[in-house]
Amino acid sequence: MNIFLWGVLPYIMVVILVGGSIWRYKYDQFGWTTRSSQLYESKLLRIGSPVFHFGLLAVIAGHVFGLLIPKTWTEAVGMTENIYHFNALFVGTIAGVGTLGGIVLLIYRRRKTGPVFMATTKNDKLMYVVLVAAIVFGLWTTLASVFWPVHDMTYRDTVSPWFRSLFIFQPDIGAMAMAPTSFHIHTLVGMLLFMVWPFTRLVHAFTAPMHYLFRPYIVYRSRDKGASVAPRDGWSEVGTHDRDTSKR
C-alpha cells in the first residue's frame, strides 16, 4: 500500500492534472473560466475573494518553502528549528485561517444567493468539499505537529525528503511512511484536489491574466460626435488603419 500511495499515486496525479488540463483547454476553452457571478452579488464577494486568494498565496508560499528547502539550508544560515517552527506556526496559522474564512464566506454567498447557487455545477460542489478538506487538514497538521507531536521527526524529516525525491523519480517511500497519519491524510486530500482541478473552475488559475497589466485603457466614445474627445498621442484607433490620418 505504501508503494502505491507514495510511489505510484503521485505520478498518476500528475498525469491526470496535466492531461486533464490539456484536454480541458482543447475541448472547453469557453469553460476555462471562473464564471464570474459578481453581477448577482458583490458585497460578500469583495470581502471573501481577496481574503481567500491572498491567504491561498501565503499557503502556497509556505508549502514551497517548507517542502523544497532542506533543513540543512536553513540551519546553514543560522535559522534554528525552534525559530523555523515558530515562524511556520505563526504565518501558517494566519494564512490557513484566512484561507478557510475566505472560502467559507464564498460558499455561504454561493448558497444564499439564488442565481449564484443555480449556476453551481456538481463538479464545483465536489471541488468545494475537497478544497475545504485540504485546508482544514492543513491547519490540523500545522497545529498538531507543534502541540501534539507524535514523535521527534517532523515533516521536514519525512514529507519534505519524499516530495523532493519525486522530482528525480526515486520516491523515498520509507520517509513518507514514517510521517504521522495527519500528514498522510493531508497529502492524500491534496493529491485528490489536484486530480479534480482540471475539471472544475479552479482551472482558471493556470491562465494568469498578465495581459491586463499591459493592455491600454478602454476608450469609451459618446454617440454625440460633438462630445467626442480626441485621442491622445501614442494611441491608435481600432479599425481605422485604412483611413486618411493626414487631417488629424
Protein backbone atom coordinates (compact mmCIF):
# COMPACT_ATOMS: atom_id res chain seq x y z
CA MET A 1 0.00 0.00 0.00
CA ASN A 2 2.83 2.41 0.82
CA ILE A 3 4.40 1.73 -2.57
CA PHE A 4 1.15 2.62 -4.32
CA LEU A 5 0.28 5.66 -2.19
CA TRP A 6 3.69 7.31 -2.07
CA GLY A 7 5.45 5.80 -5.10
CA VAL A 8 2.78 5.45 -7.77
CA LEU A 9 -0.19 7.68 -6.92
CA PRO A 10 1.78 10.98 -7.11
CA TYR A 11 2.66 10.28 -10.75
CA ILE A 12 -0.91 9.25 -11.54
CA MET A 13 -1.96 12.60 -10.09
CA VAL A 14 0.48 14.47 -12.35
CA VAL A 15 -0.77 12.61 -15.44
CA ILE A 16 -4.40 13.45 -14.62
CA LEU A 17 -3.55 17.08 -13.78
CA VAL A 18 -1.53 17.73 -16.93
CA GLY A 19 -3.59 15.54 -19.28
CA GLY A 20 -6.89 16.82 -17.91
CA SER A 21 -5.77 20.43 -18.26
CA ILE A 22 -4.70 19.88 -21.89
CA TRP A 23 -7.99 18.13 -22.66
CA ARG A 24 -9.99 20.89 -20.97
CA TYR A 25 -8.17 23.63 -22.86
CA LYS A 26 -8.58 21.82 -26.17
CA TYR A 27 -12.26 20.94 -25.91
CA ASP A 28 -13.66 23.50 -23.45
CA GLN A 29 -11.89 26.82 -23.90
CA PHE A 30 -15.13 28.73 -23.33
CA GLY A 31 -15.48 26.95 -19.99
CA TRP A 32 -11.92 27.86 -18.93
CA THR A 33 -13.15 30.50 -16.53
CA THR A 34 -14.45 31.08 -13.02
CA ARG A 35 -17.86 32.02 -14.44
CA SER A 36 -17.96 35.34 -12.62
CA SER A 37 -21.07 35.96 -10.52
CA GLN A 38 -20.26 39.49 -9.38
CA LEU A 39 -23.30 40.77 -11.24
CA TYR A 40 -25.61 38.93 -8.82
CA GLU A 41 -23.85 39.78 -5.55
CA SER A 42 -20.76 41.85 -4.88
CA LYS A 43 -20.64 42.81 -1.18
CA LEU A 44 -19.62 39.39 0.17
CA LEU A 45 -17.51 38.74 -2.92
CA ARG A 46 -15.42 41.86 -2.30
CA ILE A 47 -14.54 40.53 1.15
CA GLY A 48 -14.33 36.78 0.67
CA SER A 49 -12.43 36.67 -2.62
CA PRO A 50 -9.37 38.78 -1.61
CA VAL A 51 -9.14 37.08 1.79
CA PHE A 52 -9.24 33.65 0.18
CA HIS A 53 -6.82 34.39 -2.66
CA PHE A 54 -4.22 36.25 -0.58
CA GLY A 55 -4.44 33.59 2.11
CA LEU A 56 -4.01 30.89 -0.52
CA LEU A 57 -0.93 32.60 -1.94
CA ALA A 58 0.61 32.64 1.54
CA VAL A 59 -0.26 28.96 2.00
CA ILE A 60 1.36 28.06 -1.33
CA ALA A 61 4.47 30.06 -0.43
CA GLY A 62 4.68 28.25 2.90
CA HIS A 63 4.40 24.86 1.21
CA VAL A 64 7.10 25.75 -1.32
CA PHE A 65 9.43 26.97 1.43
CA GLY A 66 8.78 24.01 3.71
CA LEU A 67 8.87 21.25 1.10
CA LEU A 68 11.59 22.38 -1.30
CA ILE A 69 14.16 23.93 1.03
CA PRO A 70 16.10 21.30 3.02
CA LYS A 71 16.64 21.65 6.74
CA THR A 72 20.40 21.85 6.23
CA TRP A 73 19.98 25.02 4.18
CA THR A 74 18.04 26.91 6.85
CA GLU A 75 20.44 25.70 9.54
CA ALA A 76 23.38 26.88 7.42
CA VAL A 77 22.07 30.47 7.51
CA GLY A 78 21.59 30.34 11.28
CA MET A 79 17.86 29.55 11.48
CA THR A 80 17.31 27.06 14.27
CA GLU A 81 14.47 24.55 14.24
CA ASN A 82 12.69 26.40 17.05
CA ILE A 83 12.71 29.66 15.08
CA TYR A 84 11.65 27.88 11.91
CA HIS A 85 8.72 26.10 13.54
CA PHE A 86 7.62 29.27 15.33
CA ASN A 87 7.51 31.18 12.04
CA ALA A 88 5.77 28.26 10.33
CA LEU A 89 3.17 28.08 13.09
CA PHE A 90 2.58 31.84 13.21
CA VAL A 91 2.47 32.54 9.49
CA GLY A 92 0.87 29.21 8.58
CA THR A 93 -1.95 29.61 11.08
CA ILE A 94 -2.77 33.14 9.92
CA ALA A 95 -2.66 32.09 6.25
CA GLY A 96 -4.70 28.94 6.89
CA VAL A 97 -7.37 30.69 8.96
CA GLY A 98 -7.63 33.47 6.37
CA THR A 99 -7.95 30.98 3.52
CA LEU A 100 -10.55 28.93 5.39
CA GLY A 101 -12.52 32.02 6.38
CA GLY A 102 -12.48 33.33 2.82
CA ILE A 103 -13.68 30.08 1.25
CA VAL A 104 -16.39 29.63 3.91
CA LEU A 105 -17.66 33.14 3.16
CA LEU A 106 -17.65 32.42 -0.59
CA ILE A 107 -19.53 29.15 -0.07
CA TYR A 108 -22.08 30.92 2.15
CA ARG A 109 -22.54 33.57 -0.55
CA ARG A 110 -22.95 30.92 -3.23
CA ARG A 111 -25.53 29.02 -1.20
CA LYS A 112 -27.58 32.06 -0.14
CA THR A 113 -27.56 33.91 -3.47
CA GLY A 114 -30.15 32.22 -5.69
CA PRO A 115 -28.72 32.89 -9.17
CA VAL A 116 -25.19 32.05 -7.98
CA PHE A 117 -26.32 28.77 -6.43
CA MET A 118 -28.26 27.89 -9.59
CA ALA A 119 -25.04 28.25 -11.61
CA THR A 120 -23.10 25.91 -9.30
CA THR A 121 -22.30 22.61 -11.02
CA LYS A 122 -21.79 19.19 -9.43
CA ASN A 123 -18.09 19.47 -10.16
CA ASP A 124 -17.99 22.77 -8.30
CA LYS A 125 -19.68 21.24 -5.27
CA LEU A 126 -17.16 18.39 -5.23
CA MET A 127 -14.35 20.90 -5.61
CA TYR A 128 -15.54 22.93 -2.61
CA VAL A 129 -15.72 19.81 -0.43
CA VAL A 130 -12.21 18.68 -1.36
CA LEU A 131 -10.77 22.20 -1.13
CA VAL A 132 -12.20 22.83 2.33
CA ALA A 133 -10.99 19.40 3.46
CA ALA A 134 -7.47 20.18 2.24
CA ILE A 135 -7.43 23.50 4.10
CA VAL A 136 -8.84 22.01 7.31
CA PHE A 137 -6.39 19.10 7.35
CA GLY A 138 -3.57 21.52 6.53
CA LEU A 139 -4.44 23.62 9.57
CA TRP A 140 -4.75 20.48 11.65
CA THR A 141 -1.28 19.23 10.67
CA THR A 142 0.22 22.65 11.43
CA LEU A 143 -1.24 22.75 14.93
CA ALA A 144 -0.85 19.04 15.67
CA SER A 145 2.82 18.97 14.72
CA VAL A 146 3.54 21.65 17.34
CA PHE A 147 1.14 20.92 20.20
CA TRP A 148 0.63 17.16 19.81
CA PRO A 149 3.80 15.79 18.22
CA VAL A 150 3.70 12.06 17.54
CA HIS A 151 7.47 11.73 17.62
CA ASP A 152 10.56 13.86 17.24
CA MET A 153 10.56 13.63 13.44
CA THR A 154 8.75 16.49 11.69
CA TYR A 155 7.53 16.88 8.13
CA ARG A 156 10.95 18.26 7.24
CA ASP A 157 12.39 14.82 8.03
CA THR A 158 9.64 12.83 6.31
CA VAL A 159 7.31 14.61 3.89
CA SER A 160 9.87 17.08 2.51
CA PRO A 161 12.53 14.48 1.53
CA TRP A 162 9.78 12.35 -0.04
CA PHE A 163 8.40 15.32 -2.00
CA ARG A 164 11.81 16.31 -3.33
CA SER A 165 12.62 12.71 -4.27
CA LEU A 166 9.61 12.63 -6.60
CA PHE A 167 11.33 15.07 -8.97
CA ILE A 168 14.24 12.67 -9.56
CA PHE A 169 11.85 9.70 -9.98
CA GLN A 170 13.26 7.98 -6.90
CA PRO A 171 10.43 8.38 -4.35
CA ASP A 172 11.61 7.99 -0.76
CA ILE A 173 8.68 5.82 0.26
CA GLY A 174 10.22 4.94 3.61
CA ALA A 175 10.48 8.57 4.70
CA MET A 176 6.85 9.28 3.85
CA ALA A 177 5.68 6.08 5.51
CA MET A 178 7.20 7.28 8.81
CA ALA A 179 5.21 10.55 8.73
CA PRO A 180 2.28 10.91 11.15
CA THR A 181 -1.18 9.91 9.96
CA SER A 182 -2.33 13.53 9.86
CA PHE A 183 0.30 14.27 7.18
CA HIS A 184 -0.78 11.18 5.24
CA ILE A 185 -4.38 12.36 5.18
CA HIS A 186 -3.45 15.92 4.24
CA THR A 187 -1.22 14.69 1.41
CA LEU A 188 -3.86 12.33 0.03
CA VAL A 189 -6.55 15.03 0.12
CA GLY A 190 -4.12 17.40 -1.58
CA MET A 191 -3.47 14.91 -4.37
CA LEU A 192 -7.22 14.39 -4.79
CA LEU A 193 -7.64 18.15 -5.11
CA PHE A 194 -5.09 18.31 -7.93
CA MET A 195 -6.76 15.38 -9.69
CA VAL A 196 -10.15 17.12 -9.81
CA TRP A 197 -8.54 20.51 -10.51
CA PRO A 198 -8.71 20.42 -14.35
CA PHE A 199 -12.42 19.60 -14.31
CA THR A 200 -13.55 22.46 -12.07
CA ARG A 201 -13.44 26.25 -12.01
CA LEU A 202 -10.00 26.05 -10.34
CA VAL A 203 -8.50 25.54 -13.79
CA HIS A 204 -8.55 29.31 -14.31
CA ALA A 205 -5.52 29.55 -12.01
CA PHE A 206 -3.36 28.20 -14.86
CA THR A 207 -4.23 31.21 -17.01
CA ALA A 208 -2.64 34.19 -15.36
CA PRO A 209 -4.19 37.38 -16.80
CA MET A 210 -0.82 39.05 -17.31
CA HIS A 211 -2.06 40.97 -20.37
CA TYR A 212 -4.33 43.01 -18.10
CA LEU A 213 -1.23 44.71 -16.70
CA PHE A 214 -0.03 45.94 -20.09
CA ARG A 215 -3.12 46.45 -22.23
CA PRO A 216 -4.21 50.07 -22.90
CA TYR A 217 -7.22 51.61 -21.27
CA ILE A 218 -10.55 51.04 -22.97
CA VAL A 219 -11.58 54.28 -24.65
CA TYR A 220 -15.32 54.98 -24.46
CA ARG A 221 -16.80 57.36 -27.03
CA SER A 222 -20.06 59.21 -26.84
CA ARG A 223 -22.71 58.78 -29.52
CA ASP A 224 -22.73 62.57 -29.85
CA LYS A 225 -19.90 63.43 -32.23
CA GLY A 226 -19.61 66.87 -30.70
CA ALA A 227 -18.81 65.38 -27.32
CA SER A 228 -16.07 63.08 -28.57
CA VAL A 229 -12.61 63.58 -27.16
CA ALA A 230 -9.63 63.47 -29.49
CA PRO A 231 -7.29 60.55 -28.82
CA ARG A 232 -4.06 61.29 -27.02
CA ASP A 233 -0.66 60.95 -28.64
CA GLY A 234 0.51 57.38 -28.89
CA TRP A 235 -2.96 55.89 -29.20
CA SER A 236 -4.31 54.43 -32.41
CA GLU A 237 -7.97 53.98 -33.20
CA VAL A 238 -9.11 50.40 -33.59
CA GLY A 239 -10.31 49.52 -37.09
CA THR A 240 -9.20 52.82 -38.69
CA HIS A 241 -5.87 51.82 -40.16
CA ASP A 242 -7.02 52.38 -43.76
CA ARG A 243 -8.37 55.86 -43.10
CA ASP A 244 -6.60 59.03 -44.13
CA THR A 245 -4.93 60.29 -40.97
CA SER A 246 -3.37 63.38 -42.54
CA LYS A 247 -6.32 65.57 -41.48
CA ARG A 248 -5.93 64.77 -37.75
